[in-house]
Amino acid sequence: MAGKKVNPEAAQELNLEESLAKLEQVMEDLGSPELSLEESFAKYKEGMDLLLKCNQAIDKVEKELMILEENGISDEF
């Protein structure tokens, strides 16, 4: 997955919580037997794009926390 770009349509300016909620909805939609193969593939791609966006946001927060811990800032909280 390294170097993969996020789909601009799926990468709307959603925060992490909104992205996770949308990802959950996509997963529910994929469970529907009423989706065509094409619709299922589009939902799968949307879900993968959202998952990548969520992972990137979580990685960013983890890096920021590590920096804070290294600088001793987290001891103040």
C-alpha atoms as a PDB file:
ATOM      1  CA  MET A   1       0.000   0.000   0.000  1.00  0.00           C
ATOM      2  CA  ALA A   2       2.975   2.292   0.271  1.00  0.00           C
ATOM      3  CA  GLY A   3       2.739   5.299  -2.009  1.00  0.00           C
ATOM      4  CA  LYS A   4      -0.912   4.707  -2.835  1.00  0.00           C
ATOM      5  CA  LYS A   5      -2.926   7.877  -3.331  1.00  0.00           C
ATOM      6  CA  VAL A   6      -6.267   8.405  -1.652  1.00  0.00           C
ATOM      7  CA  ASN A   7      -9.223   8.723  -4.008  1.00  0.00           C
ATOM      8  CA  PRO A   8     -10.185  12.442  -4.004  1.00  0.00           C
ATOM      9  CA  GLU A   9     -13.894  11.588  -3.837  1.00  0.00           C
ATOM     10  CA  ALA A  10     -13.430   9.413  -0.746  1.00  0.00           C
ATOM     11  CA  ALA A  11     -10.933  11.836   0.743  1.00  0.00           C
ATOM     12  CA  GLN A  12     -13.361  14.646   1.281  1.00  0.00           C
ATOM     13  CA  GLU A  13     -12.337  16.745   4.232  1.00  0.00           C
ATOM     14  CA  LEU A  14     -13.713  14.313   6.780  1.00  0.00           C
ATOM     15  CA  ASN A  15     -12.225  14.044  10.218  1.00  0.00           C
ATOM     16  CA  LEU A  16     -11.214  10.661  11.591  1.00  0.00           C
ATOM     17  CA  GLU A  17     -14.517  10.022  13.349  1.00  0.00           C
ATOM     18  CA  GLU A  18     -16.512  10.875  10.221  1.00  0.00           C
ATOM     19  CA  SER A  19     -14.257   8.680   8.100  1.00  0.00           C
ATOM     20  CA  LEU A  20     -14.665   5.752  10.499  1.00  0.00           C
ATOM     21  CA  ALA A  21     -18.452   6.190  10.507  1.00  0.00           C
ATOM     22  CA  LYS A  22     -18.493   6.298   6.705  1.00  0.00           C
ATOM     23  CA  LEU A  23     -16.266   3.212   6.590  1.00  0.00           C
ATOM     24  CA  GLU A  24     -18.682   1.395   8.885  1.00  0.00           C
ATOM     25  CA  GLN A  25     -21.559   2.322   6.558  1.00  0.00           C
ATOM     26  CA  VAL A  26     -19.620   1.058   3.542  1.00  0.00           C
ATOM     27  CA  MET A  27     -19.030  -2.258   5.335  1.00  0.00           C
ATOM     28  CA  GLU A  28     -22.757  -2.552   6.063  1.00  0.00           C
ATOM     29  CA  ASP A  29     -23.563  -1.725   2.439  1.00  0.00           C
ATOM     30  CA  LEU A  30     -21.184  -4.448   1.251  1.00  0.00           C
ATOM     31  CA  GLY A  31     -23.209  -6.981   3.218  1.00  0.00           C
ATOM     32  CA  SER A  32     -26.290  -6.219   1.150  1.00  0.00           C
ATOM     33  CA  PRO A  33     -27.218  -8.965  -1.310  1.00  0.00           C
ATOM     34  CA  GLU A  34     -28.921  -6.320  -3.458  1.00  0.00           C
ATOM     35  CA  LEU A  35     -25.647  -4.744  -4.665  1.00  0.00           C
ATOM     36  CA  SER A  36     -24.512  -5.560  -8.166  1.00  0.00           C
ATOM     37  CA  LEU A  37     -20.958  -6.678  -8.769  1.00  0.00           C
ATOM     38  CA  GLU A  38     -20.040  -3.218 -10.050  1.00  0.00           C
ATOM     39  CA  GLU A  39     -21.625  -1.525  -7.031  1.00  0.00           C
ATOM     40  CA  SER A  40     -19.865  -3.930  -4.682  1.00  0.00           C
ATOM     41  CA  PHE A  41     -16.527  -3.202  -6.320  1.00  0.00           C
ATOM     42  CA  ALA A  42     -17.107   0.563  -6.077  1.00  0.00           C
ATOM     43  CA  LYS A  43     -18.044   0.223  -2.380  1.00  0.00           C
ATOM     44  CA  TYR A  44     -14.975  -1.960  -1.766  1.00  0.00           C
ATOM     45  CA  LYS A  45     -12.720   0.640  -3.401  1.00  0.00           C
ATOM     46  CA  GLU A  46     -14.363   3.435  -1.396  1.00  0.00           C
ATOM     47  CA  GLY A  47     -13.827   1.424   1.788  1.00  0.00           C
ATOM     48  CA  MET A  48     -10.161   0.814   0.994  1.00  0.00           C
ATOM     49  CA  ASP A  49      -9.640   4.521   0.297  1.00  0.00           C
ATOM     50  CA  LEU A  50     -11.315   5.419   3.596  1.00  0.00           C
ATOM     51  CA  LEU A  51      -9.259   2.805   5.440  1.00  0.00           C
ATOM     52  CA  LEU A  52      -6.071   4.277   4.017  1.00  0.00           C
ATOM     53  CA  LYS A  53      -7.161   7.777   5.065  1.00  0.00           C
ATOM     54  CA  CYS A  54      -7.971   6.554   8.594  1.00  0.00           C
ATOM     55  CA  ASN A  55      -4.626   4.765   8.888  1.00  0.00           C
ATOM     56  CA  GLN A  56      -2.788   7.885   7.747  1.00  0.00           C
ATOM     57  CA  ALA A  57      -4.634  10.031  10.311  1.00  0.00           C
ATOM     58  CA  ILE A  58      -3.891   7.550  13.113  1.00  0.00           C
ATOM     59  CA  ASP A  59      -0.215   7.337  12.094  1.00  0.00           C
ATOM     60  CA  LYS A  60       0.019  11.132  12.188  1.00  0.00           C
ATOM     61  CA  VAL A  61      -1.420  11.280  15.706  1.00  0.00           C
ATOM     62  CA  GLU A  62       0.886   8.488  16.893  1.00  0.00           C
ATOM     63  CA  LYS A  63       3.930  10.352  15.557  1.00  0.00           C
ATOM     64  CA  GLU A  64       2.810  13.564  17.263  1.00  0.00           C
ATOM     65  CA  LEU A  65       2.346  11.687  20.557  1.00  0.00           C
ATOM     66  CA  MET A  66       5.806  10.163  20.267  1.00  0.00           C
ATOM     67  CA  ILE A  67       7.302  13.626  19.744  1.00  0.00           C
ATOM     68  CA  LEU A  68       5.421  14.960  22.766  1.00  0.00           C
ATOM     69  CA  GLU A  69       6.613  12.061  24.897  1.00  0.00           C
ATOM     70  CA  GLU A  70      10.215  12.531  23.752  1.00  0.00           C
ATOM     71  CA  ASN A  71      10.033  16.191  24.723  1.00  0.00           C
ATOM     72  CA  GLY A  72       8.530  15.375  28.121  1.00  0.00           C
ATOM     73  CA  ILE A  73       5.370  17.333  27.351  1.00  0.00           C
ATOM     74  CA  SER A  74       3.028  14.405  28.087  1.00  0.00           C
ATOM     75  CA  ASP A  75       4.249  14.347  31.730  1.00  0.00           C
ATOM     76  CA  GLU A  76       2.468  17.654  32.270  1.00  0.00           C
ATOM     77  CA  PHE A  77      -0.985  16.198  31.494  1.00  0.00           C
END
